[in-house]
Amino acid sequence: MALPWRSPKTSSKTKHMKRTSAAEISIPAHFRCPISSDLMKDPVTASTGITYDRQSIETWLEQGKTTCPVTNQPLRNKDLLVPNHSVRKMIQD
C-alpha cells in the first residue's frame, strides 16, 4: 500500500535518468546579447563589428547612447545595423 506522502517506487533505470529543464541548458556566450545577456532573437551587427539582439541595441540607441556598449566606439545610427544571418542560423540549429 502506497502512503499518500510517498511517491510510488520507480525502476532503477528511471532513478538514474536526469531530467533537463530549460533553465539547465547552457547557452553559449556568442549566442547571448552583450546588453541583455539573453539569447538573441534577431541578431544584428553594429558598425563596430559586435553582434547584439536588435531590440536591445535599438533601445540602447533610443535612450540617446551613442557608443558601442562593448568597445565604447561611436555608433552612427540604428540604420547601420546589419542582420547577422550566420549567428541566427546557428541559434536556430
Foldseek 3Di string as FASTA:
>chain_A
DDDPVDDDDDDPVVVPDDDDDPVNDDDDQLQAAPQPRDGAPWWWAFPVRRIGRLVRVQVCVVVVDQADPVPRHGTDHSVRTHTDVVSNVVVVD
